[in-house]
PDB file of N, CA and C in Angstrom:
ATOM      1  N   UNK A   1     102.485 -81.241-129.160  1.00  0.00           N
ATOM      2  CA  UNK A   1     101.121 -81.753-129.181  1.00  0.00           C
ATOM      3  C   UNK A   1     100.373 -81.270-127.930  1.00  0.00           C
ATOM      4  N   UNK A   2      99.160 -80.849-128.119  1.00  0.00           N
ATOM      5  CA  UNK A   2      98.378 -80.335-126.989  1.00  0.00           C
ATOM      6  C   UNK A   2      97.929 -81.479-126.088  1.00  0.00           C
ATOM      7  N   UNK A   3      97.975 -81.231-124.792  1.00  0.00           N
ATOM      8  CA  UNK A   3      97.561 -82.240-123.821  1.00  0.00           C
ATOM      9  C   UNK A   3      96.062 -82.456-123.890  1.00  0.00           C
ATOM     10  N   UNK A   4      95.659 -83.711-123.710  1.00  0.00           N
ATOM     11  CA  UNK A   4      94.229 -84.021-123.586  1.00  0.00           C
ATOM     12  C   UNK A   4      93.743 -83.481-122.248  1.00  0.00           C
ATOM     13  N   UNK A   5      92.520 -82.941-122.252  1.00  0.00           N
ATOM     14  CA  UNK A   5      91.981 -82.284-121.066  1.00  0.00           C
ATOM     15  C   UNK A   5      90.922 -83.156-120.398  1.00  0.00           C
ATOM     16  N   UNK A   6      91.119 -83.356-119.098  1.00  0.00           N
ATOM     17  CA  UNK A   6      90.197 -84.166-118.303  1.00  0.00           C
ATOM     18  C   UNK A   6      89.509 -83.259-117.288  1.00  0.00           C
ATOM     19  N   UNK A   7      88.175 -83.320-117.270  1.00  0.00           N
ATOM     20  CA  UNK A   7      87.414 -82.626-116.238  1.00  0.00           C
ATOM     21  C   UNK A   7      87.192 -83.617-115.106  1.00  0.00           C
ATOM     22  N   UNK A   8      87.756 -83.318-113.944  1.00  0.00           N
ATOM     23  CA  UNK A   8      87.668 -84.169-112.766  1.00  0.00           C
ATOM     24  C   UNK A   8      86.629 -83.578-111.814  1.00  0.00           C
ATOM     25  N   UNK A   9      85.555 -84.333-111.578  1.00  0.00           N
ATOM     26  CA  UNK A   9      84.458 -83.839-110.746  1.00  0.00           C
ATOM     27  C   UNK A   9      84.345 -84.704-109.491  1.00  0.00           C
ATOM     28  N   UNK A  10      84.692 -84.121-108.346  1.00  0.00           N
ATOM     29  CA  UNK A  10      84.603 -84.838-107.077  1.00  0.00           C
ATOM     30  C   UNK A  10      84.570 -83.820-105.950  1.00  0.00           C
ATOM     31  N   UNK A  11      83.713 -84.055-104.961  1.00  0.00           N
ATOM     32  CA  UNK A  11      83.594 -83.102-103.860  1.00  0.00           C
ATOM     33  C   UNK A  11      84.630 -83.341-102.763  1.00  0.00           C
ATOM     34  N   UNK A  12      85.430 -84.389-102.877  1.00  0.00           N
ATOM     35  CA  UNK A  12      86.441 -84.685-101.857  1.00  0.00           C
ATOM     36  C   UNK A  12      87.797 -84.139-102.260  1.00  0.00           C
ATOM     37  N   UNK A  13      88.341 -83.269-101.423  1.00  0.00           N
ATOM     38  CA  UNK A  13      89.639 -82.641-101.696  1.00  0.00           C
ATOM     39  C   UNK A  13      90.748 -83.680-101.862  1.00  0.00           C
ATOM     40  N   UNK A  14      90.758 -84.711-100.998  1.00  0.00           N
ATOM     41  CA  UNK A  14      91.797 -85.744-101.064  1.00  0.00           C
ATOM     42  C   UNK A  14      91.804 -86.481-102.395  1.00  0.00           C
ATOM     43  N   UNK A  15      90.627 -86.829-102.870  1.00  0.00           N
ATOM     44  CA  UNK A  15      90.501 -87.506-104.169  1.00  0.00           C
ATOM     45  C   UNK A  15      90.985 -86.568-105.275  1.00  0.00           C
ATOM     46  N   UNK A  16      90.565 -85.320-105.201  1.00  0.00           N
ATOM     47  CA  UNK A  16      90.988 -84.327-106.202  1.00  0.00           C
ATOM     48  C   UNK A  16      92.519 -84.265-106.271  1.00  0.00           C
ATOM     49  N   UNK A  17      93.174 -84.153-105.118  1.00  0.00           N
ATOM     50  CA  UNK A  17      94.629 -84.037-105.087  1.00  0.00           C
ATOM     51  C   UNK A  17      95.306 -85.272-105.671  1.00  0.00           C
ATOM     52  N   UNK A  18      94.883 -86.444-105.216  1.00  0.00           N
ATOM     53  CA  UNK A  18      95.470 -87.699-105.675  1.00  0.00           C
ATOM     54  C   UNK A  18      95.301 -87.862-107.191  1.00  0.00           C
ATOM     55  N   UNK A  19      94.076 -87.732-107.670  1.00  0.00           N
ATOM     56  CA  UNK A  19      93.793 -87.952-109.088  1.00  0.00           C
ATOM     57  C   UNK A  19      94.497 -86.915-109.954  1.00  0.00           C
ATOM     58  N   UNK A  20      94.475 -85.653-109.510  1.00  0.00           N
ATOM     59  CA  UNK A  20      95.095 -84.584-110.291  1.00  0.00           C
ATOM     60  C   UNK A  20      96.582 -84.866-110.481  1.00  0.00           C
ATOM     61  N   UNK A  21      97.268 -85.219-109.389  1.00  0.00           N
ATOM     62  CA  UNK A  21      98.703 -85.515-109.474  1.00  0.00           C
ATOM     63  C   UNK A  21      98.975 -86.705-110.388  1.00  0.00           C
ATOM     64  N   UNK A  22      98.225 -87.782-110.184  1.00  0.00           N
ATOM     65  CA  UNK A  22      98.431 -89.003-110.972  1.00  0.00           C
ATOM     66  C   UNK A  22      98.156 -88.765-112.461  1.00  0.00           C
ATOM     67  N   UNK A  23      97.091 -88.037-112.761  1.00  0.00           N
ATOM     68  CA  UNK A  23      96.740 -87.801-114.167  1.00  0.00           C
ATOM     69  C   UNK A  23      97.714 -86.831-114.826  1.00  0.00           C
ATOM     70  N   UNK A  24      98.201 -85.853-114.070  1.00  0.00           N
ATOM     71  CA  UNK A  24      99.212 -84.930-114.620  1.00  0.00           C
ATOM     72  C   UNK A  24     100.498 -85.682-114.930  1.00  0.00           C
ATOM     73  N   UNK A  25     100.874 -86.625-114.067  1.00  0.00           N
ATOM     74  CA  UNK A  25     102.053 -87.449-114.319  1.00  0.00           C
ATOM     75  C   UNK A  25     101.904 -88.259-115.598  1.00  0.00           C
ATOM     76  N   UNK A  26     100.674 -88.611-115.939  1.00  0.00           N
ATOM     77  CA  UNK A  26     100.402 -89.362-117.166  1.00  0.00           C
ATOM     78  C   UNK A  26     100.365 -88.445-118.394  1.00  0.00           C
ATOM     79  N   UNK A  27     100.502 -87.144-118.165  1.00  0.00           N
ATOM     80  CA  UNK A  27     100.570 -86.204-119.285  1.00  0.00           C
ATOM     81  C   UNK A  27      99.266 -85.519-119.653  1.00  0.00           C
ATOM     82  N   UNK A  28      98.282 -85.590-118.776  1.00  0.00           N
ATOM     83  CA  UNK A  28      96.990 -84.957-119.061  1.00  0.00           C
ATOM     84  C   UNK A  28      96.878 -83.605-118.361  1.00  0.00           C
ATOM     85  N   UNK A  29      96.102 -82.703-118.943  1.00  0.00           N
ATOM     86  CA  UNK A  29      95.745 -81.446-118.281  1.00  0.00           C
ATOM     87  C   UNK A  29      94.466 -81.729-117.496  1.00  0.00           C
ATOM     88  N   UNK A  30      94.412 -81.295-116.237  1.00  0.00           N
ATOM     89  CA  UNK A  30      93.270 -81.605-115.383  1.00  0.00           C
ATOM     90  C   UNK A  30      92.549 -80.325-114.967  1.00  0.00           C
ATOM     91  N   UNK A  31      91.250 -80.308-115.206  1.00  0.00           N
ATOM     92  CA  UNK A  31      90.373 -79.208-114.788  1.00  0.00           C
ATOM     93  C   UNK A  31      89.538 -79.767-113.634  1.00  0.00           C
ATOM     94  N   UNK A  32      89.464 -79.054-112.525  1.00  0.00           N
ATOM     95  CA  UNK A  32      88.746 -79.565-111.356  1.00  0.00           C
ATOM     96  C   UNK A  32      87.411 -78.865-111.144  1.00  0.00           C
ATOM     97  N   UNK A  33      86.436 -79.666-110.713  1.00  0.00           N
ATOM     98  CA  UNK A  33      85.151 -79.124-110.271  1.00  0.00           C
ATOM     99  C   UNK A  33      84.749 -79.906-109.029  1.00  0.00           C
ATOM    100  N   UNK A  34      84.113 -79.217-108.080  1.00  0.00           N
ATOM    101  CA  UNK A  34      83.790 -79.832-106.798  1.00  0.00           C
ATOM    102  C   UNK A  34      82.314 -80.170-106.626  1.00  0.00           C
ATOM    103  N   UNK A  35      81.475 -79.807-107.592  1.00  0.00           N
ATOM    104  CA  UNK A  35      80.055 -80.172-107.524  1.00  0.00           C
ATOM    105  C   UNK A  35      79.467 -80.163-108.933  1.00  0.00           C
ATOM    106  N   UNK A  36      78.222 -80.615-109.028  1.00  0.00           N
ATOM    107  CA  UNK A  36      77.585 -80.758-110.330  1.00  0.00           C
ATOM    108  C   UNK A  36      77.417 -79.455-111.086  1.00  0.00           C
ATOM    109  N   UNK A  37      77.013 -78.402-110.385  1.00  0.00           N
ATOM    110  CA  UNK A  37      76.786 -77.108-111.041  1.00  0.00           C
ATOM    111  C   UNK A  37      78.097 -76.566-111.617  1.00  0.00           C
ATOM    112  N   UNK A  38      79.157 -76.626-110.809  1.00  0.00           N
ATOM    113  CA  UNK A  38      80.473 -76.162-111.270  1.00  0.00           C
ATOM    114  C   UNK A  38      80.961 -77.028-112.436  1.00  0.00           C
ATOM    115  N   UNK A  39      80.692 -78.327-112.354  1.00  0.00           N
ATOM    116  CA  UNK A  39      81.108 -79.246-113.412  1.00  0.00           C
ATOM    117  C   UNK A  39      80.458 -78.880-114.742  1.00  0.00           C
ATOM    118  N   UNK A  40      79.158 -78.609-114.723  1.00  0.00           N
ATOM    119  CA  UNK A  40      78.462 -78.279-115.979  1.00  0.00           C
ATOM    120  C   UNK A  40      78.956 -76.952-116.549  1.00  0.00           C
ATOM    121  N   UNK A  41      79.223 -76.001-115.683  1.00  0.00           N
ATOM    122  CA  UNK A  41      79.730 -74.706-116.124  1.00  0.00           C
ATOM    123  C   UNK A  41      81.118 -74.879-116.789  1.00  0.00           C
ATOM    124  N   UNK A  42      82.009 -75.620-116.143  1.00  0.00           N
ATOM    125  CA  UNK A  42      83.349 -75.830-116.706  1.00  0.00           C
ATOM    126  C   UNK A  42      83.298 -76.712-117.944  1.00  0.00           C
ATOM    127  N   UNK A  43      82.381 -77.667-117.961  1.00  0.00           N
ATOM    128  CA  UNK A  43      82.187 -78.541-119.111  1.00  0.00           C
ATOM    129  C   UNK A  43      81.853 -77.708-120.356  1.00  0.00           C
ATOM    130  N   UNK A  44      80.946 -76.761-120.203  1.00  0.00           N
ATOM    131  CA  UNK A  44      80.539 -75.910-121.330  1.00  0.00           C
ATOM    132  C   UNK A  44      81.657 -74.960-121.746  1.00  0.00           C
ATOM    133  N   UNK A  45      82.390 -74.429-120.773  1.00  0.00           N
ATOM    134  CA  UNK A  45      83.438 -73.451-121.048  1.00  0.00           C
ATOM    135  C   UNK A  45      84.734 -74.084-121.552  1.00  0.00           C
ATOM    136  N   UNK A  46      85.123 -75.206-120.982  1.00  0.00           N
ATOM    137  CA  UNK A  46      86.443 -75.786-121.242  1.00  0.00           C
ATOM    138  C   UNK A  46      86.459 -76.869-122.326  1.00  0.00           C
ATOM    139  N   UNK A  47      85.302 -77.454-122.646  1.00  0.00           N
ATOM    140  CA  UNK A  47      85.208 -78.534-123.634  1.00  0.00           C
ATOM    141  C   UNK A  47      86.278 -79.615-123.423  1.00  0.00           C
ATOM    142  N   UNK A  48      86.198 -80.343-122.295  1.00  0.00           N
ATOM    143  CA  UNK A  48      87.199 -81.371-122.012  1.00  0.00           C
ATOM    144  C   UNK A  48      87.099 -82.554-122.981  1.00  0.00           C
ATOM    145  N   UNK A  49      88.175 -83.347-123.043  1.00  0.00           N
ATOM    146  CA  UNK A  49      88.208 -84.541-123.899  1.00  0.00           C
ATOM    147  C   UNK A  49      87.596 -85.745-123.196  1.00  0.00           C
ATOM    148  N   UNK A  50      87.539 -85.676-121.853  1.00  0.00           N
ATOM    149  CA  UNK A  50      87.009 -86.774-121.061  1.00  0.00           C
ATOM    150  C   UNK A  50      86.592 -86.222-119.699  1.00  0.00           C
ATOM    151  N   UNK A  51      85.594 -86.867-119.081  1.00  0.00           N
ATOM    152  CA  UNK A  51      85.141 -86.447-117.751  1.00  0.00           C
ATOM    153  C   UNK A  51      85.235 -87.641-116.798  1.00  0.00           C
ATOM    154  N   UNK A  52      85.828 -87.403-115.622  1.00  0.00           N
ATOM    155  CA  UNK A  52      85.796 -88.381-114.524  1.00  0.00           C
ATOM    156  C   UNK A  52      84.831 -87.794-113.509  1.00  0.00           C
ATOM    157  N   UNK A  53      83.754 -88.526-113.245  1.00  0.00           N
ATOM    158  CA  UNK A  53      82.618 -87.952-112.530  1.00  0.00           C
ATOM    159  C   UNK A  53      82.230 -88.771-111.315  1.00  0.00           C
ATOM    160  N   UNK A  54      82.266 -88.140-110.151  1.00  0.00           N
ATOM    161  CA  UNK A  54      81.792 -88.766-108.919  1.00  0.00           C
ATOM    162  C   UNK A  54      80.261 -88.799-108.970  1.00  0.00           C
ATOM    163  N   UNK A  55      79.658 -89.774-108.319  1.00  0.00           N
ATOM    164  CA  UNK A  55      78.194 -89.853-108.323  1.00  0.00           C
ATOM    165  C   UNK A  55      77.600 -89.172-107.099  1.00  0.00           C
ATOM    166  N   UNK A  56      78.135 -89.486-105.923  1.00  0.00           N
ATOM    167  CA  UNK A  56      77.536 -89.039-104.674  1.00  0.00           C
ATOM    168  C   UNK A  56      78.118 -87.694-104.259  1.00  0.00           C
ATOM    169  N   UNK A  57      77.449 -86.606-104.663  1.00  0.00           N
ATOM    170  CA  UNK A  57      77.916 -85.254-104.339  1.00  0.00           C
ATOM    171  C   UNK A  57      76.752 -84.459-103.774  1.00  0.00           C
ATOM    172  N   UNK A  58      77.047 -83.435-102.968  1.00  0.00           N
ATOM    173  CA  UNK A  58      75.959 -82.581-102.482  1.00  0.00           C
ATOM    174  C   UNK A  58      75.330 -81.816-103.647  1.00  0.00           C
ATOM    175  N   UNK A  59      74.043 -81.526-103.526  1.00  0.00           N
ATOM    176  CA  UNK A  59      73.365 -80.823-104.627  1.00  0.00           C
ATOM    177  C   UNK A  59      73.058 -81.813-105.745  1.00  0.00           C
ATOM    178  N   UNK A  60      73.420 -81.453-106.953  1.00  0.00           N
ATOM    179  CA  UNK A  60      73.152 -82.288-108.125  1.00  0.00           C
ATOM    180  C   UNK A  60      74.075 -83.508-108.117  1.00  0.00           C
ATOM    181  N   UNK A  61      73.506 -84.713-108.219  1.00  0.00           N
ATOM    182  CA  UNK A  61      74.364 -85.893-108.202  1.00  0.00           C
ATOM    183  C   UNK A  61      74.975 -86.174-109.581  1.00  0.00           C
ATOM    184  N   UNK A  62      75.950 -87.057-109.607  1.00  0.00           N
ATOM    185  CA  UNK A  62      76.692 -87.334-110.832  1.00  0.00           C
ATOM    186  C   UNK A  62      75.847 -87.900-111.956  1.00  0.00           C
ATOM    187  N   UNK A  63      74.807 -88.648-111.614  1.00  0.00           N
ATOM    188  CA  UNK A  63      73.951 -89.227-112.661  1.00  0.00           C
ATOM    189  C   UNK A  63      73.191 -88.128-113.403  1.00  0.00           C
ATOM    190  N   UNK A  64      72.738 -87.120-112.668  1.00  0.00           N
ATOM    191  CA  UNK A  64      72.069 -85.982-113.302  1.00  0.00           C
ATOM    192  C   UNK A  64      73.056 -85.172-114.142  1.00  0.00           C
ATOM    193  N   UNK A  65      74.267 -84.981-113.625  1.00  0.00           N
ATOM    194  CA  UNK A  65      75.308 -84.265-114.376  1.00  0.00           C
ATOM    195  C   UNK A  65      75.628 -85.029-115.667  1.00  0.00           C
ATOM    196  N   UNK A  66      75.767 -86.342-115.558  1.00  0.00           N
ATOM    197  CA  UNK A  66      76.038 -87.192-116.723  1.00  0.00           C
ATOM    198  C   UNK A  66      74.955 -87.003-117.782  1.00  0.00           C
ATOM    199  N   UNK A  67      73.703 -87.046-117.358  1.00  0.00           N
ATOM    200  CA  UNK A  67      72.575 -86.902-118.298  1.00  0.00           C
ATOM    201  C   UNK A  67      72.666 -85.573-119.046  1.00  0.00           C
ATOM    202  N   UNK A  68      72.934 -84.490-118.309  1.00  0.00           N
ATOM    203  CA  UNK A  68      73.003 -83.174-118.950  1.00  0.00           C
ATOM    204  C   UNK A  68      74.215 -83.064-119.883  1.00  0.00           C
ATOM    205  N   UNK A  69      75.341 -83.634-119.484  1.00  0.00           N
ATOM    206  CA  UNK A  69      76.532 -83.588-120.349  1.00  0.00           C
ATOM    207  C   UNK A  69      76.305 -84.360-121.641  1.00  0.00           C
ATOM    208  N   UNK A  70      75.658 -85.521-121.525  1.00  0.00           N
ATOM    209  CA  UNK A  70      75.407 -86.355-122.706  1.00  0.00           C
ATOM    210  C   UNK A  70      74.393 -85.695-123.653  1.00  0.00           C
ATOM    211  N   UNK A  71      73.499 -84.873-123.110  1.00  0.00           N
ATOM    212  CA  UNK A  71      72.566 -84.135-123.970  1.00  0.00           C
ATOM    213  C   UNK A  71      73.336 -83.119-124.815  1.00  0.00           C
ATOM    214  N   UNK A  72      74.374 -82.531-124.231  1.00  0.00           N
ATOM    215  CA  UNK A  72      75.168 -81.523-124.938  1.00  0.00           C
ATOM    216  C   UNK A  72      76.168 -82.181-125.888  1.00  0.00           C
ATOM    217  N   UNK A  73      76.844 -83.226-125.421  1.00  0.00           N
ATOM    218  CA  UNK A  73      77.858 -83.900-126.225  1.00  0.00           C
ATOM    219  C   UNK A  73      77.754 -85.412-126.007  1.00  0.00           C
ATOM    220  N   UNK A  74      76.931 -86.094-126.832  1.00  0.00           N
ATOM    221  CA  UNK A  74      76.708 -87.530-126.635  1.00  0.00           C
ATOM    222  C   UNK A  74      77.968 -88.383-126.838  1.00  0.00           C
ATOM    223  N   UNK A  75      78.953 -87.866-127.567  1.00  0.00           N
ATOM    224  CA  UNK A  75      80.153 -88.650-127.872  1.00  0.00           C
ATOM    225  C   UNK A  75      81.262 -88.515-126.828  1.00  0.00           C
ATOM    226  N   UNK A  76      81.083 -87.615-125.872  1.00  0.00           N
ATOM    227  CA  UNK A  76      82.120 -87.385-124.870  1.00  0.00           C
ATOM    228  C   UNK A  76      82.251 -88.603-123.952  1.00  0.00           C
ATOM    229  N   UNK A  77      83.473 -89.145-123.785  1.00  0.00           N
ATOM    230  CA  UNK A  77      83.632 -90.250-122.839  1.00  0.00           C
ATOM    231  C   UNK A  77      83.541 -89.761-121.396  1.00  0.00           C
ATOM    232  N   UNK A  78      82.687 -90.437-120.617  1.00  0.00           N
ATOM    233  CA  UNK A  78      82.521 -90.106-119.201  1.00  0.00           C
ATOM    234  C   UNK A  78      82.782 -91.369-118.395  1.00  0.00           C
ATOM    235  N   UNK A  79      83.684 -91.259-117.422  1.00  0.00           N
ATOM    236  CA  UNK A  79      83.964 -92.361-116.514  1.00  0.00           C
ATOM    237  C   UNK A  79      83.330 -92.024-115.172  1.00  0.00           C
ATOM    238  N   UNK A  80      82.351 -92.826-114.769  1.00  0.00           N
ATOM    239  CA  UNK A  80      81.759 -92.626-113.450  1.00  0.00           C
ATOM    240  C   UNK A  80      82.684 -93.258-112.424  1.00  0.00           C
ATOM    241  N   UNK A  81      82.888 -92.553-111.345  1.00  0.00           N
ATOM    242  CA  UNK A  81      83.851 -92.968-110.332  1.00  0.00           C
ATOM    243  C   UNK A  81      83.183 -92.814-108.976  1.00  0.00           C
ATOM    244  N   UNK A  82      82.864 -93.938-108.345  1.00  0.00           N
ATOM    245  CA  UNK A  82      82.123 -93.869-107.089  1.00  0.00           C
ATOM    246  C   UNK A  82      82.733 -94.783-106.049  1.00  0.00           C
ATOM    247  N   UNK A  83      82.554 -94.429-104.798  1.00  0.00           N
ATOM    248  CA  UNK A  83      82.986 -95.306-103.708  1.00  0.00           C
ATOM    249  C   UNK A  83      81.994 -96.458-103.535  1.00  0.00           C
ATOM    250  N   UNK A  84      80.860 -96.373-104.208  1.00  0.00           N
ATOM    251  CA  UNK A  84      79.789 -97.338-103.993  1.00  0.00           C
ATOM    252  C   UNK A  84      79.552 -98.215-105.208  1.00  0.00           C
ATOM    253  N   UNK A  85      79.737 -99.498-105.042  1.00  0.00           N
ATOM    254  CA  UNK A  85      79.525-100.475-106.109  1.00  0.00           C
ATOM    255  C   UNK A  85      78.057-100.515-106.565  1.00  0.00           C
ATOM    256  N   UNK A  86      77.124-100.292-105.613  1.00  0.00           N
ATOM    257  CA  UNK A  86      75.707-100.520-105.931  1.00  0.00           C
ATOM    258  C   UNK A  86      75.144 -99.560-106.985  1.00  0.00           C
ATOM    259  N   UNK A  87      75.769 -98.400-107.184  1.00  0.00           N
ATOM    260  CA  UNK A  87      75.277 -97.481-108.219  1.00  0.00           C
ATOM    261  C   UNK A  87      75.403 -98.093-109.611  1.00  0.00           C
ATOM    262  N   UNK A  88      76.267 -99.083-109.748  1.00  0.00           N
ATOM    263  CA  UNK A  88      76.488 -99.716-111.057  1.00  0.00           C
ATOM    264  C   UNK A  88      75.182-100.275-111.626  1.00  0.00           C
ATOM    265  N   UNK A  89      74.265-100.651-110.745  1.00  0.00           N
ATOM    266  CA  UNK A  89      72.979-101.216-111.193  1.00  0.00           C
ATOM    267  C   UNK A  89      71.977-100.128-111.596  1.00  0.00           C
ATOM    268  N   UNK A  90      72.270 -98.881-111.267  1.00  0.00           N
ATOM    269  CA  UNK A  90      71.339 -97.787-111.544  1.00  0.00           C
ATOM    270  C   UNK A  90      71.257 -97.540-113.048  1.00  0.00           C
ATOM    271  N   UNK A  91      70.052 -97.505-113.563  1.00  0.00           N
ATOM    272  CA  UNK A  91      69.846 -97.303-115.000  1.00  0.00           C
ATOM    273  C   UNK A  91      70.552 -96.058-115.524  1.00  0.00           C
ATOM    274  N   UNK A  92      70.580 -95.006-114.705  1.00  0.00           N
ATOM    275  CA  UNK A  92      71.192 -93.742-115.120  1.00  0.00           C
ATOM    276  C   UNK A  92      72.678 -93.837-115.396  1.00  0.00           C
ATOM    277  N   UNK A  93      73.350 -94.850-114.840  1.00  0.00           N
ATOM    278  CA  UNK A  93      74.801 -94.975-115.055  1.00  0.00           C
ATOM    279  C   UNK A  93      75.125 -95.605-116.401  1.00  0.00           C
ATOM    280  N   UNK A  94      74.160 -96.185-117.063  1.00  0.00           N
ATOM    281  CA  UNK A  94      74.430 -96.899-118.311  1.00  0.00           C
ATOM    282  C   UNK A  94      74.934 -95.997-119.421  1.00  0.00           C
ATOM    283  N   UNK A  95      74.663 -94.718-119.331  1.00  0.00           N
ATOM    284  CA  UNK A  95      75.115 -93.783-120.372  1.00  0.00           C
ATOM    285  C   UNK A  95      76.621 -93.513-120.282  1.00  0.00           C
ATOM    286  N   UNK A  96      77.240 -93.913-119.180  1.00  0.00           N
ATOM    287  CA  UNK A  96      78.683 -93.676-119.040  1.00  0.00           C
ATOM    288  C   UNK A  96      79.459 -94.751-119.792  1.00  0.00           C
ATOM    289  N   UNK A  97      80.695 -94.424-120.134  1.00  0.00           N
ATOM    290  CA  UNK A  97      81.541 -95.371-120.849  1.00  0.00           C
ATOM    291  C   UNK A  97      82.178 -96.382-119.904  1.00  0.00           C
ATOM    292  N   UNK A  98      82.423 -95.976-118.669  1.00  0.00           N
ATOM    293  CA  UNK A  98      83.027 -96.861-117.682  1.00  0.00           C
ATOM    294  C   UNK A  98      82.491 -96.514-116.307  1.00  0.00           C
ATOM    295  N   UNK A  99      82.534 -97.500-115.414  1.00  0.00           N
ATOM    296  CA  UNK A  99      82.134 -97.300-114.023  1.00  0.00           C
ATOM    297  C   UNK A  99      83.242 -97.902-113.180  1.00  0.00           C
ATOM    298  N   UNK A 100      83.930 -97.067-112.434  1.00  0.00           N
ATOM    299  CA  UNK A 100      85.067 -97.531-111.654  1.00  0.00           C
ATOM    300  C   UNK A 100      84.842 -97.208-110.188  1.00  0.00           C
ATOM    301  N   UNK A 101      85.022 -98.196-109.345  1.00  0.00           N
ATOM    302  CA  UNK A 101      84.883 -97.995-107.905  1.00  0.00           C
ATOM    303  C   UNK A 101      86.179 -97.376-107.390  1.00  0.00           C
ATOM    304  N   UNK A 102      86.040 -96.311-106.602  1.00  0.00           N
ATOM    305  CA  UNK A 102      87.208 -95.585-106.090  1.00  0.00           C
ATOM    306  C   UNK A 102      88.137 -96.505-105.315  1.00  0.00           C
ATOM    307  N   UNK A 103      89.422 -96.277-105.521  1.00  0.00           N
ATOM    308  CA  UNK A 103      90.430 -97.085-104.856  1.00  0.00           C
ATOM    309  C   UNK A 103      91.722 -96.289-104.790  1.00  0.00           C
ATOM    310  N   UNK A 104      92.558 -96.591-103.820  1.00  0.00           N
ATOM    311  CA  UNK A 104      93.873 -95.947-103.755  1.00  0.00           C
ATOM    312  C   UNK A 104      94.746 -96.430-104.910  1.00  0.00           C
ATOM    313  N   UNK A 105      94.404 -97.590-105.460  1.00  0.00           N
ATOM    314  CA  UNK A 105      95.111 -98.115-106.627  1.00  0.00           C
ATOM    315  C   UNK A 105      94.495 -97.482-107.870  1.00  0.00           C
ATOM    316  N   UNK A 106      95.272 -96.641-108.508  1.00  0.00           N
ATOM    317  CA  UNK A 106      94.761 -95.858-109.642  1.00  0.00           C
ATOM    318  C   UNK A 106      94.832 -96.602-110.978  1.00  0.00           C
ATOM    319  N   UNK A 107      95.347 -97.829-111.000  1.00  0.00           N
ATOM    320  CA  UNK A 107      95.615 -98.485-112.283  1.00  0.00           C
ATOM    321  C   UNK A 107      94.357 -98.697-113.124  1.00  0.00           C
ATOM    322  N   UNK A 108      93.248 -99.087-112.500  1.00  0.00           N
ATOM    323  CA  UNK A 108      92.019 -99.320-113.264  1.00  0.00           C
ATOM    324  C   UNK A 108      91.518 -98.018-113.890  1.00  0.00           C
ATOM    325  N   UNK A 109      91.547 -96.936-113.120  1.00  0.00           N
ATOM    326  CA  UNK A 109      91.110 -95.639-113.628  1.00  0.00           C
ATOM    327  C   UNK A 109      92.033 -95.167-114.759  1.00  0.00           C
ATOM    328  N   UNK A 110      93.334 -95.287-114.564  1.00  0.00           N
ATOM    329  CA  UNK A 110      94.287 -94.865-115.604  1.00  0.00           C
ATOM    330  C   UNK A 110      94.099 -95.668-116.885  1.00  0.00           C
ATOM    331  N   UNK A 111      93.850 -96.969-116.742  1.00  0.00           N
ATOM    332  CA  UNK A 111      93.609 -97.809-117.927  1.00  0.00           C
ATOM    333  C   UNK A 111      92.381 -97.333-118.679  1.00  0.00           C
ATOM    334  N   UNK A 112      91.312 -97.006-117.948  1.00  0.00           N
ATOM    335  CA  UNK A 112      90.077 -96.533-118.575  1.00  0.00           C
ATOM    336  C   UNK A 112      90.305 -95.216-119.293  1.00  0.00           C
ATOM    337  N   UNK A 113      91.046 -94.302-118.665  1.00  0.00           N
ATOM    338  CA  UNK A 113      91.354 -93.002-119.272  1.00  0.00           C
ATOM    339  C   UNK A 113      92.125 -93.219-120.571  1.00  0.00           C
ATOM    340  N   UNK A 114      93.154 -94.044-120.521  1.00  0.00           N
ATOM    341  CA  UNK A 114      93.980 -94.285-121.716  1.00  0.00           C
ATOM    342  C   UNK A 114      93.180 -94.958-122.820  1.00  0.00           C
ATOM    343  N   UNK A 115      92.260 -95.852-122.425  1.00  0.00           N
ATOM    344  CA  UNK A 115      91.414 -96.542-123.405  1.00  0.00           C
ATOM    345  C   UNK A 115      90.596 -95.515-124.201  1.00  0.00           C
ATOM    346  N   UNK A 116      90.083 -94.495-123.517  1.00  0.00           N
ATOM    347  CA  UNK A 116      89.204 -93.526-124.176  1.00  0.00           C
ATOM    348  C   UNK A 116      89.950 -92.371-124.833  1.00  0.00           C
ATOM    349  N   UNK A 117      91.154 -92.076-124.352  1.00  0.00           N
ATOM    350  CA  UNK A 117      91.898 -90.942-124.921  1.00  0.00           C
ATOM    351  C   UNK A 117      93.083 -91.390-125.779  1.00  0.00           C
ATOM    352  N   UNK A 118      93.276 -92.695-125.880  1.00  0.00           N
ATOM    353  CA  UNK A 118      94.351 -93.224-126.718  1.00  0.00           C
ATOM    354  C   UNK A 118      95.680 -93.044-126.042  1.00  0.00           C
TER     355      UNK A 118
END
């Protein structure tokens, strides 16, 4: 069976390493992008099954990336992942399927991924 593909978008190398390892252990294929422009390019080329998207990035922020991804594929599950709780109130985040505050404890994020990818 082919692995489900997750596009992981975060400008922090440490987060990328941690999440990539944890998600690979769960049996997922992980595609990495470090900013919004790279994320949209890989999104179009790779057609991931799910996107984990940071909000606060240099250049294009995650809310703008989310909007553009949803225009292309409205059914794609997107999990917004931010260090900041206050973005949860932002109208632009409502289009995401989940909003998870970054933590060293990956259980909430893994649960959300499994919920959307079965």
